[in-house]
C-alpha atoms as a PDB file:
ATOM      1  CA  MET A   1     118.648 -11.688 -87.247  1.00  0.00           C
ATOM      2  CA  TYR A   2     117.457 -15.451 -86.596  1.00  0.00           C
ATOM      3  CA  SER A   3     114.681 -14.676 -89.606  1.00  0.00           C
ATOM      4  CA  LYS A   4     117.871 -13.910 -91.880  1.00  0.00           C
ATOM      5  CA  LEU A   5     119.417 -17.025 -90.833  1.00  0.00           C
ATOM      6  CA  LEU A   6     116.292 -19.093 -91.489  1.00  0.00           C
ATOM      7  CA  GLU A   7     115.618 -18.041 -94.628  1.00  0.00           C
ATOM      8  CA  ALA A   8     119.712 -18.623 -95.547  1.00  0.00           C
ATOM      9  CA  ASP A   9     119.240 -21.923 -94.327  1.00  0.00           C
ATOM     10  CA  HIS A  10     119.195 -24.305 -97.231  1.00  0.00           C
ATOM     11  CA  ARG A  11     119.072 -27.605 -95.446  1.00  0.00           C
ATOM     12  CA  SER A  12     116.120 -30.269 -96.039  1.00  0.00           C
ATOM     13  CA  ASP A  13     113.391 -30.751 -93.482  1.00  0.00           C
ATOM     14  CA  ASN A  14     113.478 -34.293 -94.781  1.00  0.00           C
ATOM     15  CA  PRO A  15     114.737 -36.346 -91.570  1.00  0.00           C
ATOM     16  CA  ASP A  16     116.697 -38.912 -93.759  1.00  0.00           C
ATOM     17  CA  VAL A  17     118.483 -36.065 -95.722  1.00  0.00           C
ATOM     18  CA  LEU A  18     119.223 -34.162 -92.468  1.00  0.00           C
ATOM     19  CA  LYS A  19     121.012 -37.346 -91.239  1.00  0.00           C
ATOM     20  CA  GLU A  20     122.992 -37.790 -93.853  1.00  0.00           C
ATOM     21  CA  GLU A  21     123.953 -33.498 -94.036  1.00  0.00           C
ATOM     22  CA  LEU A  22     124.970 -34.170 -90.021  1.00  0.00           C
ATOM     23  CA  GLU A  23     126.960 -37.385 -91.193  1.00  0.00           C
ATOM     24  CA  ASP A  24     128.802 -35.668 -93.616  1.00  0.00           C
ATOM     25  CA  LEU A  25     129.481 -32.918 -91.647  1.00  0.00           C
ATOM     26  CA  GLU A  26     130.669 -34.899 -88.582  1.00  0.00           C
ATOM     27  CA  PHE A  27     133.096 -36.730 -91.221  1.00  0.00           C
ATOM     28  CA  GLN A  28     134.274 -33.196 -92.149  1.00  0.00           C
ATOM     29  CA  VAL A  29     135.108 -32.393 -88.855  1.00  0.00           C
ATOM     30  CA  PHE A  30     136.952 -35.396 -87.915  1.00  0.00           C
ATOM     31  CA  ARG A  31     139.052 -35.027 -91.364  1.00  0.00           C
ATOM     32  CA  MET A  32     139.571 -31.463 -90.215  1.00  0.00           C
ATOM     33  CA  GLN A  33     141.040 -32.431 -86.992  1.00  0.00           C
ATOM     34  CA  ASP A  34     143.600 -34.935 -88.523  1.00  0.00           C
ATOM     35  CA  ASN A  35     144.332 -32.257 -91.579  1.00  0.00           C
ATOM     36  CA  LEU A  36     144.718 -29.305 -88.855  1.00  0.00           C
ATOM     37  CA  LYS A  37     147.546 -31.480 -87.021  1.00  0.00           C
ATOM     38  CA  GLU A  38     149.542 -32.364 -89.999  1.00  0.00           C
ATOM     39  CA  ILE A  39     149.342 -28.802 -91.705  1.00  0.00           C
ATOM     40  CA  ALA A  40     150.322 -26.991 -88.440  1.00  0.00           C
ATOM     41  CA  LYS A  41     153.847 -28.982 -88.423  1.00  0.00           C
ATOM     42  CA  LYS A  42     155.261 -27.273 -91.123  1.00  0.00           C
ATOM     43  CA  SER A  43     152.835 -24.081 -92.087  1.00  0.00           C
ATOM     44  CA  LYS A  44     150.899 -21.521 -90.248  1.00  0.00           C
ATOM     45  CA  VAL A  45     147.232 -22.059 -90.330  1.00  0.00           C
ATOM     46  CA  LEU A  46     145.396 -18.616 -91.202  1.00  0.00           C
ATOM     47  CA  GLY A  47     141.606 -20.313 -90.755  1.00  0.00           C
ATOM     48  CA  VAL A  48     139.030 -22.679 -91.196  1.00  0.00           C
ATOM     49  CA  ASP A  49     136.160 -21.537 -93.563  1.00  0.00           C
ATOM     50  CA  HIS A  50     133.645 -23.115 -95.901  1.00  0.00           C
ATOM     51  CA  THR A  51     132.970 -23.154 -99.096  1.00  0.00           C
ATOM     52  CA  LYS A  52     129.587 -22.074-101.205  1.00  0.00           C
ATOM     53  CA  ASP A  53     128.685 -25.368-101.209  1.00  0.00           C
ATOM     54  CA  GLU A  54     128.995 -25.540 -97.224  1.00  0.00           C
ATOM     55  CA  LYS A  55     132.267 -28.005 -97.368  1.00  0.00           C
ATOM     56  CA  LEU A  56     134.950 -27.182 -94.702  1.00  0.00           C
ATOM     57  CA  VAL A  57     138.293 -26.241 -95.903  1.00  0.00           C
ATOM     58  CA  ILE A  58     141.669 -25.196 -93.944  1.00  0.00           C
ATOM     59  CA  VAL A  59     143.689 -22.196 -95.393  1.00  0.00           C
ATOM     60  CA  TYR A  60     147.266 -21.984 -94.517  1.00  0.00           C
ATOM     61  CA  THR A  61     150.566 -20.258 -95.463  1.00  0.00           C
ATOM     62  CA  PRO A  62     154.215 -21.926 -95.297  1.00  0.00           C
ATOM     63  CA  GLU A  63     156.548 -20.002 -92.914  1.00  0.00           C
ATOM     64  CA  ASP A  64     158.594 -18.038 -95.247  1.00  0.00           C
ATOM     65  CA  ASP A  65     159.549 -14.429 -95.413  1.00  0.00           C
ATOM     66  CA  LYS A  66     160.017 -14.328 -99.349  1.00  0.00           C
ATOM     67  CA  SER A  67     156.594 -16.050-100.781  1.00  0.00           C
ATOM     68  CA  CYS A  68     153.190 -14.852 -99.896  1.00  0.00           C
ATOM     69  CA  LYS A  69     151.726 -18.300-100.855  1.00  0.00           C
ATOM     70  CA  ILE A  70     147.865 -18.874 -99.651  1.00  0.00           C
ATOM     71  CA  MET A  71     146.923 -22.596 -99.477  1.00  0.00           C
ATOM     72  CA  LEU A  72     143.683 -24.527 -99.386  1.00  0.00           C
ATOM     73  CA  CYS A  73     143.086 -28.089 -98.160  1.00  0.00           C
ATOM     74  CA  ASP A  74     139.809 -29.200 -98.179  1.00  0.00           C
ATOM     75  CA  CYS A  75     138.386 -31.383 -95.575  1.00  0.00           C
ATOM     76  CA  GLU A  76     136.774 -34.030 -97.744  1.00  0.00           C
ATOM     77  CA  THR A  77     140.074 -35.816 -98.381  1.00  0.00           C
ATOM     78  CA  SER A  78     143.287 -36.579 -96.232  1.00  0.00           C
ATOM     79  CA  TYR A  79     145.964 -34.231 -96.634  1.00  0.00           C
ATOM     80  CA  LYS A  80     149.077 -35.815 -97.824  1.00  0.00           C
ATOM     81  CA  GLY A  81     151.360 -32.795 -97.952  1.00  0.00           C
ATOM     82  CA  GLN A  82     149.730 -31.186-101.115  1.00  0.00           C
ATOM     83  CA  TRP A  83     147.347 -28.222-101.264  1.00  0.00           C
ATOM     84  CA  ASP A  84     143.932 -28.427-103.109  1.00  0.00           C
ATOM     85  CA  PHE A  85     144.085 -25.040-104.051  1.00  0.00           C
ATOM     86  CA  SER A  86     146.980 -22.242-104.140  1.00  0.00           C
ATOM     87  CA  ILE A  87     147.512 -18.637-104.876  1.00  0.00           C
ATOM     88  CA  GLN A  88     151.324 -18.424-105.448  1.00  0.00           C
ATOM     89  CA  ALA A  89     152.206 -14.558-104.392  1.00  0.00           C
ATOM     90  CA  SER A  90     155.766 -13.039-103.549  1.00  0.00           C
ATOM     91  CA  TYR A  91     156.658  -9.682-102.039  1.00  0.00           C
ATOM     92  CA  THR A  92     157.808  -7.299-104.887  1.00  0.00           C
ATOM     93  CA  ASP A  93     158.591  -4.244-102.401  1.00  0.00           C
ATOM     94  CA  LYS A  94     157.355  -3.181 -98.979  1.00  0.00           C
ATOM     95  CA  LYS A  95     154.163  -2.137-100.825  1.00  0.00           C
ATOM     96  CA  THR A  96     153.054  -4.725-103.081  1.00  0.00           C
ATOM     97  CA  ILE A  97     152.468  -8.475-103.313  1.00  0.00           C
ATOM     98  CA  HIS A  98     152.750  -9.758-106.864  1.00  0.00           C
ATOM     99  CA  ILE A  99     150.507 -12.647-107.632  1.00  0.00           C
ATOM    100  CA  GLY A 100     152.660 -15.276-109.771  1.00  0.00           C
ATOM    101  CA  ASP A 101     149.935 -17.855-110.524  1.00  0.00           C
ATOM    102  CA  ILE A 102     146.708 -19.427-109.327  1.00  0.00           C
ATOM    103  CA  ARG A 103     146.160 -23.168-109.371  1.00  0.00           C
ATOM    104  CA  GLY A 104     143.672 -26.040-108.583  1.00  0.00           C
ATOM    105  CA  PRO A 105     139.843 -26.359-109.636  1.00  0.00           C
ATOM    106  CA  ALA A 106     137.503 -23.827-111.198  1.00  0.00           C
ATOM    107  CA  ASN A 107     134.182 -23.037-109.294  1.00  0.00           C
ATOM    108  CA  LYS A 108     134.375 -24.353-106.133  1.00  0.00           C
ATOM    109  CA  GLY A 109     134.706 -21.100-104.300  1.00  0.00           C
ATOM    110  CA  TYR A 110     138.270 -21.936-103.366  1.00  0.00           C
ATOM    111  CA  GLY A 111     139.750 -18.806-104.942  1.00  0.00           C
ATOM    112  CA  SER A 112     137.373 -16.580-103.391  1.00  0.00           C
ATOM    113  CA  ILE A 113     138.162 -17.960-100.019  1.00  0.00           C
ATOM    114  CA  CYS A 114     142.001 -17.991-100.782  1.00  0.00           C
ATOM    115  CA  MET A 115     141.830 -14.354-102.119  1.00  0.00           C
ATOM    116  CA  ASP A 116     139.891 -12.918 -99.262  1.00  0.00           C
ATOM    117  CA  TYR A 117     142.879 -14.366 -97.305  1.00  0.00           C
ATOM    118  CA  LEU A 118     145.454 -12.985 -99.150  1.00  0.00           C
ATOM    119  CA  LYS A 119     144.144  -9.215 -98.961  1.00  0.00           C
ATOM    120  CA  GLU A 120     143.568  -9.951 -95.219  1.00  0.00           C
ATOM    121  CA  LEU A 121     147.376 -10.869 -94.791  1.00  0.00           C
ATOM    122  CA  ALA A 122     148.194  -7.543 -97.069  1.00  0.00           C
ATOM    123  CA  ILE A 123     146.358  -5.227 -94.820  1.00  0.00           C
ATOM    124  CA  GLU A 124     147.575  -6.976 -91.640  1.00  0.00           C
ATOM    125  CA  GLN A 125     151.083  -6.245 -92.911  1.00  0.00           C
ATOM    126  CA  ASN A 126     150.616  -2.968 -94.204  1.00  0.00           C
ATOM    127  CA  ILE A 127     151.041  -3.863 -98.028  1.00  0.00           C
ATOM    128  CA  PRO A 128     148.887  -1.554 -99.875  1.00  0.00           C
ATOM    129  CA  LYS A 129     148.626  -3.078-103.362  1.00  0.00           C
ATOM    130  CA  ILE A 130     148.165  -6.835-104.722  1.00  0.00           C
ATOM    131  CA  THR A 131     149.149  -6.943-108.532  1.00  0.00           C
ATOM    132  CA  GLY A 132     149.579  -9.613-111.085  1.00  0.00           C
ATOM    133  CA  ASP A 133     149.573 -10.510-114.587  1.00  0.00           C
ATOM    134  CA  ILE A 134     147.488 -12.405-117.292  1.00  0.00           C
ATOM    135  CA  ALA A 135     149.358 -14.017-119.552  1.00  0.00           C
ATOM    136  CA  GLU A 136     148.780 -15.487-123.188  1.00  0.00           C
ATOM    137  CA  ARG A 137     148.692 -19.223-121.389  1.00  0.00           C
ATOM    138  CA  ASP A 138     145.490 -18.150-119.664  1.00  0.00           C
ATOM    139  CA  TRP A 139     143.714 -16.703-122.467  1.00  0.00           C
ATOM    140  CA  ASP A 140     141.588 -19.897-122.883  1.00  0.00           C
ATOM    141  CA  HIS A 141     139.914 -19.124-119.735  1.00  0.00           C
ATOM    142  CA  VAL A 142     140.430 -15.175-119.740  1.00  0.00           C
ATOM    143  CA  GLU A 143     136.753 -14.426-119.446  1.00  0.00           C
ATOM    144  CA  ARG A 144     136.176 -16.339-116.294  1.00  0.00           C
ATOM    145  CA  LEU A 145     139.694 -14.774-114.878  1.00  0.00           C
ATOM    146  CA  ILE A 146     138.116 -10.954-115.775  1.00  0.00           C
ATOM    147  CA  HIS A 147     135.041 -12.172-113.935  1.00  0.00           C
ATOM    148  CA  PHE A 148     136.887 -13.633-110.820  1.00  0.00           C
ATOM    149  CA  TYR A 149     139.269 -10.084-110.268  1.00  0.00           C
ATOM    150  CA  LYS A 150     136.518  -8.015-110.585  1.00  0.00           C
ATOM    151  CA  LYS A 151     134.237  -9.928-108.226  1.00  0.00           C
ATOM    152  CA  ASN A 152     137.342  -9.660-105.757  1.00  0.00           C
ATOM    153  CA  ASN A 153     137.226  -5.689-106.580  1.00  0.00           C
ATOM    154  CA  PHE A 154     140.646  -5.869-108.598  1.00  0.00           C
ATOM    155  CA  TYR A 155     141.055  -3.298-111.715  1.00  0.00           C
ATOM    156  CA  VAL A 156     141.616  -5.332-114.762  1.00  0.00           C
ATOM    157  CA  ASP A 157     142.925  -3.926-118.061  1.00  0.00           C
ATOM    158  CA  ILE A 158     143.472  -6.335-120.508  1.00  0.00           C
ATOM    159  CA  ASN A 159     145.288  -6.359-124.388  1.00  0.00           C
ATOM    160  CA  PRO A 160     143.381  -8.432-126.529  1.00  0.00           C
ATOM    161  CA  GLY A 161     145.583  -7.839-129.371  1.00  0.00           C
ATOM    162  CA  GLU A 162     148.810  -9.355-127.119  1.00  0.00           C
ATOM    163  CA  LYS A 163     146.733 -11.577-125.291  1.00  0.00           C
ATOM    164  CA  SER A 164     147.780  -9.976-122.162  1.00  0.00           C
ATOM    165  CA  GLY A 165     146.524  -8.060-119.131  1.00  0.00           C
ATOM    166  CA  VAL A 166     147.128  -6.537-115.711  1.00  0.00           C
ATOM    167  CA  ILE A 167     145.213  -6.531-112.382  1.00  0.00           C
ATOM    168  CA  LYS A 168     145.852  -4.450-109.450  1.00  0.00           C
ATOM    169  CA  TRP A 169     144.046  -4.329-105.933  1.00  0.00           C
ATOM    170  CA  ILE A 170     144.619  -1.313-103.623  1.00  0.00           C
ATOM    171  CA  SER A 171     143.268  -1.472-100.063  1.00  0.00           C
ATOM    172  CA  THR A 172     140.871   0.701 -98.857  1.00  0.00           C
ATOM    173  CA  ASP A 173     141.705   0.299 -95.166  1.00  0.00           C
END
């Protein structure tokens, strides 16, 4: 087990670089503490995670029975009441969560983190299905969306002629 951890360890052997990485981590932890206090005043904190670049993020959801939003705040900046990434979804019925929109920067790993929490929330609430639409407004980045949804185990059906599509995830638990 330890050998796998060492193989996955991408830290430098350079003491100056290690010192800089430690200082960055300490800063993120202090920022995380402050951000957690603010977020917890209005939302339910689902967890603390790290991105593919080893940056700390806080994942949370509003205390709301109708919506099923999963929001993320990075720990590099101060929380000012706004999320850095969000999956905006709603409960369609007792068996389905429908994704309405995904907002935030691409290629930071935020989407995969939030999607994991959305699927976990669906499983905890015995909701077996997550659905969504790909609309014409998404067409300029449709290939990236297809890759993202397939990577997250969604069935993707695209209609190029109409510039539309549907996505579906079914729980195997």
